[in-house]
């Protein structure tokens, strides 16, 4: 083999090696992408499985910054025409939580949320969700506000769980007392109080309906 032939062979071998290397990288990248998609799906599946109603909490504290971040993430929830009518008011100080427990919650809910790091009051502004202009869009009217707040609450408790916090949504509360404590205006509908804290109970999952009981596909 002449020197010219050797040089041509060497260049061809290098080129072939480069093609093989990059092809291998592409294959590896594709496999990694599939893994990432799968892991993301599994992570979300585990998140919705792990979130449950917790009725026993260990003493804990949460920063204003982390509460703000959780609410910021919950703002990704869909809402009627992007009106975002849901509002959050949070008792995080010992004094504010003590008032909510004493004045605004029945004894069983106060006991179930004792030691929570925060108590979150969820409300929605009237006249936004469910309206086309000044008139209700359909027979549900203001119920759309509660619908949107329910979606927002779902995002909130999932975001909280993703940050390592457990939650309990409490619907039995004293609306007038909450209005007084947080100075909630009359143009808002008060819905729930969500306890947020570090769970101090064994994990258990209540049985769920079978999908056939709740699903119809036609």
N, C-alpha and C. Protein backbone atom coordinates (compact mmCIF):
# COMPACT_ATOMS: atom_id res chain seq x y z
N UNK A 1 0.87 -1.19 0.00
CA UNK A 1 0.00 0.00 0.00
C UNK A 1 0.90 1.23 0.00
N UNK A 2 0.61 2.16 -0.93
CA UNK A 2 1.41 3.38 -1.01
C UNK A 2 1.08 4.29 0.16
N UNK A 3 2.00 5.31 0.35
CA UNK A 3 1.75 6.27 1.43
C UNK A 3 0.43 6.99 1.23
N UNK A 4 0.10 7.32 -0.04
CA UNK A 4 -1.16 7.99 -0.34
C UNK A 4 -2.34 7.12 0.03
N UNK A 5 -2.22 5.82 -0.31
CA UNK A 5 -3.31 4.89 0.02
C UNK A 5 -3.47 4.76 1.52
N UNK A 6 -2.33 4.73 2.24
CA UNK A 6 -2.40 4.61 3.70
C UNK A 6 -3.09 5.83 4.32
N UNK A 7 -2.74 7.03 3.78
CA UNK A 7 -3.36 8.24 4.32
C UNK A 7 -4.86 8.26 4.05
N UNK A 8 -5.25 7.83 2.85
CA UNK A 8 -6.68 7.79 2.51
C UNK A 8 -7.41 6.79 3.40
N UNK A 9 -6.79 5.63 3.64
CA UNK A 9 -7.40 4.61 4.49
C UNK A 9 -7.57 5.14 5.92
N UNK A 10 -6.54 5.85 6.40
CA UNK A 10 -6.59 6.38 7.77
C UNK A 10 -7.71 7.40 7.91
N UNK A 11 -7.81 8.29 6.89
CA UNK A 11 -8.88 9.30 6.94
C UNK A 11 -10.25 8.63 6.94
N UNK A 12 -10.39 7.58 6.12
CA UNK A 12 -11.67 6.88 6.07
C UNK A 12 -11.99 6.19 7.37
N UNK A 13 -10.98 5.61 8.00
CA UNK A 13 -11.20 4.92 9.28
C UNK A 13 -11.62 5.89 10.36
N UNK A 14 -10.95 7.07 10.38
CA UNK A 14 -11.31 8.09 11.37
C UNK A 14 -12.74 8.56 11.16
N UNK A 15 -13.10 8.81 9.90
CA UNK A 15 -14.46 9.27 9.59
C UNK A 15 -15.49 8.24 10.01
N UNK A 16 -15.19 6.96 9.70
CA UNK A 16 -16.13 5.90 10.06
C UNK A 16 -16.30 5.81 11.57
N UNK A 17 -15.17 5.96 12.29
CA UNK A 17 -15.23 5.92 13.76
C UNK A 17 -16.06 7.06 14.30
N UNK A 18 -15.90 8.25 13.68
CA UNK A 18 -16.66 9.41 14.13
C UNK A 18 -18.15 9.20 13.92
N UNK A 19 -18.51 8.68 12.73
CA UNK A 19 -19.92 8.41 12.45
C UNK A 19 -20.49 7.43 13.46
N UNK A 20 -19.71 6.35 13.72
CA UNK A 20 -20.16 5.35 14.68
C UNK A 20 -20.34 5.95 16.07
N UNK A 21 -19.38 6.80 16.47
CA UNK A 21 -19.45 7.41 17.80
C UNK A 21 -20.68 8.29 17.94
N UNK A 22 -20.91 9.17 16.93
CA UNK A 22 -22.06 10.06 17.01
C UNK A 22 -23.37 9.30 16.92
N UNK A 23 -23.39 8.25 16.13
CA UNK A 23 -24.60 7.43 16.05
C UNK A 23 -24.88 6.80 17.39
N UNK A 24 -23.81 6.34 18.05
CA UNK A 24 -23.99 5.77 19.38
C UNK A 24 -24.51 6.79 20.36
N UNK A 25 -24.00 8.04 20.26
CA UNK A 25 -24.47 9.10 21.16
C UNK A 25 -25.94 9.39 20.94
N UNK A 26 -26.36 9.42 19.65
CA UNK A 26 -27.76 9.67 19.36
C UNK A 26 -28.64 8.59 19.96
N UNK A 27 -28.22 7.33 19.81
CA UNK A 27 -28.99 6.22 20.37
C UNK A 27 -29.08 6.33 21.89
N UNK A 28 -27.93 6.67 22.49
CA UNK A 28 -27.91 6.81 23.95
C UNK A 28 -28.81 7.96 24.38
N UNK A 29 -28.77 9.07 23.62
CA UNK A 29 -29.62 10.22 23.93
C UNK A 29 -31.10 9.86 23.83
N UNK A 30 -31.45 9.12 22.76
CA UNK A 30 -32.84 8.70 22.60
C UNK A 30 -33.30 7.84 23.76
N UNK A 31 -32.44 6.90 24.16
CA UNK A 31 -32.81 6.03 25.28
C UNK A 31 -32.94 6.83 26.56
N UNK A 32 -32.02 7.81 26.75
CA UNK A 32 -32.08 8.65 27.95
C UNK A 32 -33.36 9.47 27.97
N UNK A 33 -33.75 9.99 26.79
CA UNK A 33 -34.98 10.77 26.70
C UNK A 33 -36.18 9.92 27.09
N UNK A 34 -36.20 8.66 26.62
CA UNK A 34 -37.30 7.77 26.97
C UNK A 34 -37.33 7.53 28.48
N UNK A 35 -36.13 7.38 29.07
CA UNK A 35 -36.06 7.18 30.51
C UNK A 35 -36.59 8.40 31.25
N UNK A 36 -36.21 9.62 30.77
CA UNK A 36 -36.66 10.84 31.42
C UNK A 36 -38.17 10.95 31.39
N UNK A 37 -38.76 10.66 30.23
CA UNK A 37 -40.22 10.72 30.12
C UNK A 37 -40.87 9.74 31.09
N UNK A 38 -40.32 8.54 31.12
CA UNK A 38 -40.87 7.51 31.99
C UNK A 38 -40.75 7.91 33.46
N UNK A 39 -39.57 8.43 33.83
CA UNK A 39 -39.35 8.82 35.22
C UNK A 39 -40.24 9.99 35.62
N UNK A 40 -40.44 10.93 34.68
CA UNK A 40 -41.33 12.05 34.98
C UNK A 40 -42.74 11.56 35.23
N UNK A 41 -43.21 10.65 34.39
CA UNK A 41 -44.54 10.09 34.56
C UNK A 41 -44.66 9.35 35.88
N UNK A 42 -43.64 8.56 36.21
CA UNK A 42 -43.67 7.82 37.46
C UNK A 42 -43.64 8.75 38.66
N UNK A 43 -42.86 9.83 38.55
CA UNK A 43 -42.78 10.79 39.65
C UNK A 43 -44.15 11.40 39.91
N UNK A 44 -44.87 11.80 38.86
CA UNK A 44 -46.20 12.36 39.04
C UNK A 44 -47.16 11.33 39.60
N UNK A 45 -47.06 10.10 39.09
CA UNK A 45 -47.92 9.03 39.60
C UNK A 45 -47.69 8.82 41.09
N UNK A 46 -46.43 8.84 41.50
CA UNK A 46 -46.12 8.66 42.91
C UNK A 46 -46.62 9.85 43.73
N UNK A 47 -46.55 11.05 43.15
CA UNK A 47 -46.99 12.25 43.86
C UNK A 47 -48.48 12.19 44.16
N UNK A 48 -49.31 11.87 43.16
CA UNK A 48 -50.74 11.84 43.40
C UNK A 48 -51.14 10.66 44.27
N UNK A 49 -50.30 9.62 44.28
CA UNK A 49 -50.54 8.49 45.18
C UNK A 49 -50.18 8.85 46.61
N UNK A 50 -49.10 9.62 46.77
CA UNK A 50 -48.60 9.94 48.11
C UNK A 50 -49.44 10.98 48.82
N UNK A 51 -50.07 11.90 48.06
CA UNK A 51 -50.87 12.94 48.70
C UNK A 51 -52.15 12.33 49.29
N UNK A 52 -52.37 12.56 50.57
CA UNK A 52 -53.55 12.05 51.24
C UNK A 52 -53.93 13.01 52.36
N UNK A 53 -55.11 12.85 52.92
CA UNK A 53 -55.54 13.69 54.03
C UNK A 53 -54.87 13.21 55.31
N UNK A 54 -54.14 14.10 55.95
CA UNK A 54 -53.39 13.77 57.17
C UNK A 54 -54.04 14.49 58.35
N UNK A 55 -54.31 13.74 59.41
CA UNK A 55 -55.01 14.28 60.57
C UNK A 55 -54.19 14.22 61.86
N UNK A 56 -52.87 14.12 61.71
CA UNK A 56 -51.97 14.18 62.86
C UNK A 56 -50.66 14.77 62.38
N UNK A 57 -50.21 15.86 63.05
CA UNK A 57 -49.02 16.58 62.60
C UNK A 57 -47.99 16.70 63.70
N UNK A 58 -46.73 16.65 63.30
CA UNK A 58 -45.61 16.93 64.20
C UNK A 58 -45.35 18.43 64.18
N UNK A 59 -44.87 18.99 65.28
CA UNK A 59 -44.56 20.43 65.28
C UNK A 59 -43.57 20.78 64.17
N UNK A 60 -43.82 21.85 63.46
CA UNK A 60 -42.95 22.26 62.36
C UNK A 60 -43.22 23.72 62.03
N UNK A 61 -42.31 24.31 61.26
CA UNK A 61 -42.47 25.68 60.79
C UNK A 61 -42.16 25.72 59.30
N UNK A 62 -42.80 26.64 58.61
CA UNK A 62 -42.55 26.83 57.19
C UNK A 62 -42.28 28.30 56.94
N UNK A 63 -41.37 28.58 56.04
CA UNK A 63 -41.00 29.96 55.77
C UNK A 63 -42.04 30.65 54.89
N UNK A 64 -42.06 31.97 54.97
CA UNK A 64 -42.92 32.77 54.10
C UNK A 64 -42.55 32.53 52.63
N UNK A 65 -41.25 32.36 52.38
CA UNK A 65 -40.79 32.16 51.01
C UNK A 65 -41.31 30.84 50.44
N UNK A 66 -41.30 29.77 51.23
CA UNK A 66 -41.78 28.49 50.72
C UNK A 66 -43.29 28.51 50.53
N UNK A 67 -44.02 29.14 51.43
CA UNK A 67 -45.46 29.27 51.25
C UNK A 67 -45.77 30.03 49.95
N UNK A 68 -45.01 31.09 49.72
CA UNK A 68 -45.20 31.88 48.50
C UNK A 68 -44.91 31.03 47.27
N UNK A 69 -43.88 30.19 47.33
CA UNK A 69 -43.54 29.34 46.20
C UNK A 69 -44.63 28.32 45.92
N UNK A 70 -45.19 27.74 46.96
CA UNK A 70 -46.26 26.75 46.78
C UNK A 70 -47.49 27.39 46.13
N UNK A 71 -47.86 28.58 46.61
CA UNK A 71 -49.00 29.28 46.01
C UNK A 71 -48.68 29.66 44.56
N UNK A 72 -47.44 30.07 44.31
CA UNK A 72 -47.04 30.42 42.94
C UNK A 72 -47.21 29.23 42.01
N UNK A 73 -46.83 28.05 42.46
CA UNK A 73 -47.00 26.84 41.65
C UNK A 73 -48.48 26.51 41.47
N UNK A 74 -49.28 26.75 42.49
CA UNK A 74 -50.72 26.47 42.39
C UNK A 74 -51.41 27.40 41.40
N UNK A 75 -50.79 28.54 41.11
CA UNK A 75 -51.37 29.48 40.15
C UNK A 75 -51.42 28.91 38.74
N UNK A 76 -50.76 27.79 38.51
CA UNK A 76 -50.82 27.13 37.20
C UNK A 76 -52.15 26.42 36.97
N UNK A 77 -53.00 26.36 37.97
CA UNK A 77 -54.30 25.70 37.82
C UNK A 77 -55.15 26.44 36.78
N UNK A 78 -55.93 25.70 35.99
CA UNK A 78 -56.82 26.35 35.03
C UNK A 78 -57.96 27.06 35.74
N UNK A 79 -58.50 28.07 35.09
CA UNK A 79 -59.65 28.79 35.65
C UNK A 79 -60.49 29.36 34.51
N UNK A 80 -61.72 29.70 34.82
CA UNK A 80 -62.66 30.24 33.84
C UNK A 80 -62.06 31.49 33.18
N UNK A 81 -61.83 31.41 31.87
CA UNK A 81 -61.30 32.52 31.10
C UNK A 81 -60.05 33.14 31.75
N UNK A 82 -59.30 32.30 32.44
CA UNK A 82 -58.08 32.75 33.13
C UNK A 82 -58.34 33.91 34.09
N UNK A 83 -59.51 33.88 34.72
CA UNK A 83 -59.85 34.94 35.67
C UNK A 83 -59.11 34.79 37.00
N UNK A 84 -58.70 33.57 37.33
CA UNK A 84 -57.95 33.32 38.57
C UNK A 84 -58.64 33.98 39.77
N UNK A 85 -59.86 33.56 40.02
CA UNK A 85 -60.66 34.16 41.09
C UNK A 85 -60.30 33.65 42.48
N UNK A 86 -59.51 32.58 42.57
CA UNK A 86 -59.18 31.98 43.86
C UNK A 86 -58.21 32.87 44.63
N UNK A 87 -58.44 32.96 45.95
CA UNK A 87 -57.59 33.74 46.84
C UNK A 87 -57.13 32.87 48.01
N UNK A 88 -55.94 33.17 48.52
CA UNK A 88 -55.38 32.42 49.65
C UNK A 88 -55.03 33.40 50.77
N UNK A 89 -55.41 33.04 51.99
CA UNK A 89 -54.98 33.79 53.17
C UNK A 89 -54.42 32.77 54.16
N UNK A 90 -53.24 33.05 54.66
CA UNK A 90 -52.52 32.03 55.43
C UNK A 90 -52.19 32.50 56.84
N UNK A 91 -52.57 31.69 57.81
CA UNK A 91 -52.14 31.89 59.19
C UNK A 91 -50.91 31.03 59.40
N UNK A 92 -49.75 31.68 59.58
CA UNK A 92 -48.50 30.95 59.77
C UNK A 92 -47.88 31.23 61.13
N UNK A 93 -48.18 32.37 61.72
CA UNK A 93 -47.64 32.68 63.05
C UNK A 93 -48.42 31.91 64.12
N UNK A 94 -47.78 31.71 65.25
CA UNK A 94 -48.43 30.98 66.34
C UNK A 94 -49.71 31.69 66.78
N UNK A 95 -49.66 33.02 66.82
CA UNK A 95 -50.83 33.79 67.27
C UNK A 95 -52.00 33.65 66.29
N UNK A 96 -51.70 33.76 64.99
CA UNK A 96 -52.77 33.67 63.98
C UNK A 96 -53.37 32.27 63.95
N UNK A 97 -52.54 31.25 64.03
CA UNK A 97 -53.06 29.88 64.03
C UNK A 97 -53.91 29.63 65.27
N UNK A 98 -53.49 30.14 66.40
CA UNK A 98 -54.25 29.95 67.64
C UNK A 98 -55.65 30.54 67.50
N UNK A 99 -55.76 31.69 66.85
CA UNK A 99 -57.07 32.31 66.66
C UNK A 99 -57.96 31.46 65.75
N UNK A 100 -57.37 30.94 64.66
CA UNK A 100 -58.16 30.11 63.75
C UNK A 100 -58.63 28.85 64.46
N UNK A 101 -57.73 28.19 65.19
CA UNK A 101 -58.11 26.98 65.92
C UNK A 101 -59.20 27.26 66.94
N UNK A 102 -59.08 28.35 67.65
CA UNK A 102 -60.02 28.65 68.74
C UNK A 102 -61.34 29.21 68.24
N UNK A 103 -61.28 30.11 67.24
CA UNK A 103 -62.46 30.87 66.85
C UNK A 103 -63.16 30.36 65.59
N UNK A 104 -62.42 29.67 64.71
CA UNK A 104 -62.99 29.39 63.39
C UNK A 104 -63.13 27.92 63.06
N UNK A 105 -62.61 27.02 63.90
CA UNK A 105 -62.71 25.59 63.60
C UNK A 105 -63.41 24.85 64.73
N UNK A 106 -64.24 23.86 64.40
CA UNK A 106 -64.81 23.01 65.44
C UNK A 106 -63.69 22.21 66.09
N UNK A 107 -63.96 21.70 67.28
CA UNK A 107 -62.90 21.05 68.06
C UNK A 107 -62.26 19.89 67.31
N UNK A 108 -63.05 19.10 66.55
CA UNK A 108 -62.46 17.94 65.88
C UNK A 108 -61.51 18.36 64.77
N UNK A 109 -61.82 19.46 64.06
CA UNK A 109 -60.89 19.93 63.03
C UNK A 109 -59.68 20.63 63.64
N UNK A 110 -59.89 21.32 64.75
CA UNK A 110 -58.76 21.93 65.45
C UNK A 110 -57.80 20.86 65.94
N UNK A 111 -58.35 19.75 66.43
CA UNK A 111 -57.52 18.65 66.90
C UNK A 111 -56.79 17.98 65.73
N UNK A 112 -57.50 17.79 64.62
CA UNK A 112 -56.91 17.11 63.47
C UNK A 112 -55.78 17.93 62.84
N UNK A 113 -55.83 19.25 63.01
CA UNK A 113 -54.82 20.12 62.40
C UNK A 113 -53.83 20.68 63.42
N UNK A 114 -53.90 20.23 64.66
CA UNK A 114 -52.98 20.72 65.69
C UNK A 114 -51.54 20.49 65.25
N UNK A 115 -50.69 21.45 65.54
CA UNK A 115 -49.26 21.43 65.19
C UNK A 115 -48.99 21.73 63.73
N UNK A 116 -50.01 21.98 62.92
CA UNK A 116 -49.77 22.30 61.51
C UNK A 116 -48.90 23.56 61.41
N UNK A 117 -48.06 23.60 60.38
CA UNK A 117 -47.19 24.75 60.19
C UNK A 117 -47.95 25.96 59.68
N UNK A 118 -49.08 25.73 58.99
CA UNK A 118 -49.86 26.83 58.43
C UNK A 118 -51.30 26.38 58.25
N UNK A 119 -52.20 27.35 58.32
CA UNK A 119 -53.62 27.14 58.04
C UNK A 119 -54.00 28.07 56.91
N UNK A 120 -54.44 27.50 55.79
CA UNK A 120 -54.66 28.26 54.56
C UNK A 120 -56.15 28.38 54.29
N UNK A 121 -56.64 29.60 54.24
CA UNK A 121 -58.05 29.85 53.95
C UNK A 121 -58.20 30.09 52.45
N UNK A 122 -59.07 29.32 51.81
CA UNK A 122 -59.29 29.44 50.37
C UNK A 122 -60.65 30.09 50.12
N UNK A 123 -60.66 31.11 49.27
CA UNK A 123 -61.90 31.78 48.90
C UNK A 123 -61.86 32.12 47.42
N UNK A 124 -62.98 32.65 46.91
CA UNK A 124 -62.95 33.14 45.52
C UNK A 124 -63.77 34.40 45.39
N UNK A 125 -63.36 35.26 44.48
CA UNK A 125 -64.06 36.51 44.23
C UNK A 125 -65.30 36.26 43.38
N UNK A 126 -66.41 36.84 43.78
CA UNK A 126 -67.66 36.69 43.04
C UNK A 126 -67.60 37.44 41.71
N UNK A 127 -68.45 37.00 40.79
CA UNK A 127 -68.64 37.74 39.55
C UNK A 127 -67.56 37.58 38.50
N UNK A 128 -66.62 36.65 38.72
CA UNK A 128 -65.54 36.43 37.74
C UNK A 128 -65.72 35.10 37.02
N UNK A 129 -65.63 34.01 37.73
CA UNK A 129 -65.80 32.69 37.11
C UNK A 129 -67.26 32.43 36.82
N UNK A 130 -67.55 31.95 35.61
CA UNK A 130 -68.92 31.61 35.25
C UNK A 130 -69.71 32.73 34.61
N UNK A 131 -69.03 33.82 34.27
CA UNK A 131 -69.73 34.99 33.72
C UNK A 131 -69.26 35.31 32.31
N UNK A 132 -70.20 35.79 31.50
CA UNK A 132 -69.91 36.41 30.22
C UNK A 132 -70.36 37.86 30.34
N UNK A 133 -69.42 38.73 30.53
CA UNK A 133 -69.79 40.11 30.84
C UNK A 133 -70.36 40.18 32.23
N UNK A 134 -71.53 40.80 32.36
CA UNK A 134 -72.16 40.95 33.68
C UNK A 134 -73.15 39.84 33.99
N UNK A 135 -73.41 38.96 33.02
CA UNK A 135 -74.44 37.93 33.19
C UNK A 135 -73.82 36.55 33.35
N UNK A 136 -74.43 35.67 34.19
CA UNK A 136 -73.94 34.29 34.30
C UNK A 136 -74.00 33.60 32.94
N UNK A 137 -73.01 32.81 32.64
CA UNK A 137 -72.94 32.15 31.33
C UNK A 137 -73.91 30.99 31.22
N UNK A 138 -74.23 30.35 32.34
CA UNK A 138 -75.18 29.23 32.33
C UNK A 138 -75.77 29.07 33.72
N UNK A 139 -76.49 27.97 33.91
CA UNK A 139 -77.25 27.79 35.16
C UNK A 139 -76.37 27.62 36.39
N UNK A 140 -75.10 27.34 36.22
CA UNK A 140 -74.23 27.15 37.37
C UNK A 140 -73.82 28.46 38.04
N UNK A 141 -73.73 29.52 37.25
CA UNK A 141 -73.43 30.82 37.83
C UNK A 141 -72.18 30.82 38.70
N UNK A 142 -72.33 31.28 39.95
CA UNK A 142 -71.20 31.40 40.86
C UNK A 142 -70.57 30.05 41.24
N UNK A 143 -71.29 28.96 40.96
CA UNK A 143 -70.71 27.66 41.27
C UNK A 143 -69.39 27.45 40.53
N UNK A 144 -69.21 28.16 39.40
CA UNK A 144 -67.96 28.04 38.67
C UNK A 144 -66.80 28.57 39.51
N UNK A 145 -67.06 29.51 40.37
CA UNK A 145 -66.01 30.01 41.26
C UNK A 145 -65.52 28.92 42.20
N UNK A 146 -66.48 28.15 42.74
CA UNK A 146 -66.11 27.04 43.61
C UNK A 146 -65.40 25.95 42.82
N UNK A 147 -65.84 25.74 41.58
CA UNK A 147 -65.18 24.76 40.71
C UNK A 147 -63.72 25.13 40.50
N UNK A 148 -63.49 26.39 40.16
CA UNK A 148 -62.12 26.85 39.93
C UNK A 148 -61.29 26.78 41.20
N UNK A 149 -61.88 27.13 42.33
CA UNK A 149 -61.15 27.07 43.60
C UNK A 149 -60.81 25.63 43.97
N UNK A 150 -61.69 24.70 43.58
CA UNK A 150 -61.39 23.29 43.81
C UNK A 150 -60.19 22.84 42.99
N UNK A 151 -60.14 23.27 41.73
CA UNK A 151 -58.97 22.97 40.90
C UNK A 151 -57.71 23.58 41.49
N UNK A 152 -57.81 24.83 41.92
CA UNK A 152 -56.65 25.51 42.50
C UNK A 152 -56.20 24.81 43.79
N UNK A 153 -57.16 24.36 44.59
CA UNK A 153 -56.82 23.66 45.83
C UNK A 153 -56.11 22.34 45.54
N UNK A 154 -56.55 21.65 44.47
CA UNK A 154 -55.87 20.41 44.08
C UNK A 154 -54.42 20.69 43.72
N UNK A 155 -54.19 21.73 42.93
CA UNK A 155 -52.82 22.10 42.59
C UNK A 155 -52.04 22.47 43.85
N UNK A 156 -52.70 23.18 44.77
CA UNK A 156 -52.01 23.62 45.99
C UNK A 156 -51.54 22.43 46.82
N UNK A 157 -52.43 21.46 47.05
CA UNK A 157 -52.04 20.34 47.91
C UNK A 157 -51.00 19.45 47.24
N UNK A 158 -51.05 19.35 45.90
CA UNK A 158 -50.03 18.57 45.20
C UNK A 158 -48.68 19.30 45.22
N UNK A 159 -48.72 20.62 45.03
CA UNK A 159 -47.47 21.39 45.12
C UNK A 159 -46.89 21.29 46.52
N UNK A 160 -47.75 21.36 47.53
CA UNK A 160 -47.29 21.24 48.91
C UNK A 160 -46.63 19.89 49.14
N UNK A 161 -47.27 18.83 48.65
CA UNK A 161 -46.70 17.49 48.82
C UNK A 161 -45.37 17.37 48.11
N UNK A 162 -45.26 17.99 46.95
CA UNK A 162 -44.01 17.97 46.21
C UNK A 162 -42.89 18.67 46.97
N UNK A 163 -43.25 19.59 47.85
CA UNK A 163 -42.29 20.27 48.71
C UNK A 163 -42.07 19.52 50.02
N UNK A 164 -42.77 18.39 50.18
CA UNK A 164 -42.58 17.59 51.39
C UNK A 164 -43.57 17.87 52.50
N UNK A 165 -44.67 18.58 52.19
CA UNK A 165 -45.65 18.94 53.21
C UNK A 165 -46.95 18.17 53.01
N UNK A 166 -47.54 17.74 54.12
CA UNK A 166 -48.84 17.07 54.09
C UNK A 166 -49.95 18.08 54.30
N UNK A 167 -51.17 17.69 53.93
CA UNK A 167 -52.29 18.63 53.98
C UNK A 167 -53.59 17.95 54.41
N UNK A 168 -54.52 18.78 54.84
CA UNK A 168 -55.88 18.34 55.17
C UNK A 168 -56.83 19.45 54.78
N UNK A 169 -57.75 19.16 53.89
CA UNK A 169 -58.75 20.14 53.47
C UNK A 169 -59.96 20.03 54.39
N UNK A 170 -60.27 21.13 55.07
CA UNK A 170 -61.37 21.13 56.06
C UNK A 170 -62.49 22.05 55.59
N UNK A 171 -63.67 21.48 55.39
CA UNK A 171 -64.80 22.25 54.90
C UNK A 171 -65.72 22.75 56.00
N UNK A 172 -65.61 22.17 57.20
CA UNK A 172 -66.44 22.61 58.32
C UNK A 172 -65.65 23.64 59.10
N UNK A 173 -66.09 24.89 59.04
CA UNK A 173 -65.39 26.03 59.64
C UNK A 173 -66.40 27.14 59.88
N UNK A 174 -66.04 28.13 60.65
CA UNK A 174 -66.91 29.26 60.95
C UNK A 174 -66.57 30.38 59.97
N UNK A 175 -67.45 30.58 58.99
CA UNK A 175 -67.19 31.56 57.95
C UNK A 175 -67.08 32.98 58.50
N UNK A 176 -67.97 33.33 59.41
CA UNK A 176 -67.95 34.69 59.97
C UNK A 176 -66.65 34.94 60.74
N UNK A 177 -66.20 33.95 61.47
CA UNK A 177 -64.96 34.10 62.24
C UNK A 177 -63.76 34.27 61.31
N UNK A 178 -63.73 33.51 60.23
CA UNK A 178 -62.63 33.64 59.28
C UNK A 178 -62.64 35.02 58.63
N UNK A 179 -63.82 35.52 58.30
CA UNK A 179 -63.90 36.87 57.73
C UNK A 179 -63.34 37.91 58.69
N UNK A 180 -63.63 37.73 59.97
CA UNK A 180 -63.16 38.69 60.97
C UNK A 180 -61.64 38.59 61.15
N UNK A 181 -61.12 37.37 61.24
CA UNK A 181 -59.67 37.19 61.48
C UNK A 181 -58.85 37.73 60.32
N UNK A 182 -59.29 37.46 59.08
CA UNK A 182 -58.51 37.83 57.90
C UNK A 182 -59.04 39.07 57.18
N UNK A 183 -60.11 39.65 57.70
CA UNK A 183 -60.72 40.82 57.07
C UNK A 183 -61.07 40.53 55.61
N UNK A 184 -61.79 39.44 55.40
CA UNK A 184 -62.17 39.02 54.06
C UNK A 184 -63.38 39.83 53.60
N UNK A 185 -63.32 40.47 52.45
CA UNK A 185 -64.42 41.34 52.00
C UNK A 185 -65.67 40.55 51.60
N UNK A 186 -66.78 41.26 51.53
CA UNK A 186 -68.07 40.62 51.24
C UNK A 186 -68.16 40.09 49.81
N UNK A 187 -67.32 40.57 48.90
CA UNK A 187 -67.40 40.10 47.52
C UNK A 187 -66.60 38.82 47.28
N UNK A 188 -66.20 38.15 48.36
CA UNK A 188 -65.55 36.86 48.25
C UNK A 188 -66.35 35.79 48.98
N UNK A 189 -66.37 34.58 48.42
CA UNK A 189 -67.01 33.43 49.04
C UNK A 189 -65.93 32.61 49.74
N UNK A 190 -66.11 32.40 51.05
CA UNK A 190 -65.14 31.62 51.82
C UNK A 190 -65.45 30.14 51.66
N UNK A 191 -64.42 29.35 51.33
CA UNK A 191 -64.63 27.92 51.11
C UNK A 191 -64.02 27.09 52.23
N UNK A 192 -62.77 26.72 52.10
CA UNK A 192 -62.17 25.75 53.02
C UNK A 192 -61.00 26.33 53.79
N UNK A 193 -60.57 25.56 54.78
CA UNK A 193 -59.31 25.81 55.46
C UNK A 193 -58.43 24.58 55.23
N UNK A 194 -57.22 24.81 54.71
CA UNK A 194 -56.31 23.71 54.45
C UNK A 194 -55.17 23.74 55.46
N UNK A 195 -55.06 22.67 56.24
CA UNK A 195 -53.92 22.53 57.14
C UNK A 195 -52.72 22.04 56.35
N UNK A 196 -51.55 22.59 56.66
CA UNK A 196 -50.31 22.19 55.99
C UNK A 196 -49.24 21.94 57.04
N UNK A 197 -48.63 20.76 57.02
CA UNK A 197 -47.62 20.46 58.03
C UNK A 197 -46.91 19.16 57.74
N UNK A 198 -46.16 18.68 58.71
CA UNK A 198 -45.43 17.43 58.60
C UNK A 198 -46.23 16.32 59.27
N UNK A 199 -46.68 15.36 58.47
CA UNK A 199 -47.52 14.29 58.98
C UNK A 199 -46.84 13.47 60.07
N UNK A 200 -47.63 13.08 61.06
CA UNK A 200 -47.11 12.25 62.16
C UNK A 200 -48.02 11.06 62.37
N UNK A 201 -48.38 10.41 61.27
CA UNK A 201 -49.22 9.22 61.35
C UNK A 201 -48.76 8.23 60.30
N UNK A 202 -49.00 6.94 60.52
CA UNK A 202 -48.61 5.94 59.52
C UNK A 202 -49.38 6.16 58.23
N UNK A 203 -48.75 5.79 57.12
CA UNK A 203 -49.43 5.93 55.84
C UNK A 203 -50.54 4.90 55.72
N UNK A 204 -51.69 5.35 55.29
CA UNK A 204 -52.75 4.42 54.92
C UNK A 204 -53.57 5.07 53.81
N UNK A 205 -54.14 4.25 52.98
CA UNK A 205 -54.94 4.75 51.88
C UNK A 205 -56.34 4.20 51.99
N UNK A 206 -57.31 5.10 52.03
CA UNK A 206 -58.70 4.65 52.07
C UNK A 206 -59.05 3.98 50.74
N UNK A 207 -59.88 2.96 50.77
CA UNK A 207 -60.27 2.31 49.51
C UNK A 207 -60.99 3.28 48.59
N UNK A 208 -60.76 3.15 47.32
CA UNK A 208 -61.38 4.02 46.31
C UNK A 208 -62.39 3.22 45.50
N UNK A 209 -63.32 3.94 44.90
CA UNK A 209 -64.28 3.28 44.02
C UNK A 209 -63.54 2.66 42.84
N UNK A 210 -64.12 1.63 42.26
CA UNK A 210 -63.54 1.08 41.04
C UNK A 210 -63.82 2.06 39.91
N UNK A 211 -62.95 2.08 38.91
CA UNK A 211 -63.11 3.02 37.82
C UNK A 211 -64.44 2.80 37.11
N UNK A 212 -64.95 1.58 37.11
CA UNK A 212 -66.23 1.31 36.48
C UNK A 212 -67.40 2.02 37.15
N UNK A 213 -67.22 2.38 38.43
CA UNK A 213 -68.29 3.07 39.14
C UNK A 213 -68.38 4.55 38.78
N UNK A 214 -67.30 5.10 38.23
CA UNK A 214 -67.28 6.54 38.00
C UNK A 214 -67.06 6.93 36.54
N UNK A 215 -66.79 5.95 35.69
CA UNK A 215 -66.41 6.25 34.31
C UNK A 215 -67.42 5.72 33.31
N UNK A 216 -67.78 6.58 32.34
CA UNK A 216 -68.59 6.16 31.19
C UNK A 216 -67.92 6.67 29.93
N UNK A 217 -67.66 5.78 29.02
CA UNK A 217 -67.08 6.14 27.74
C UNK A 217 -68.03 5.68 26.64
N UNK A 218 -68.47 6.59 25.77
CA UNK A 218 -69.41 6.22 24.71
C UNK A 218 -68.81 6.55 23.34
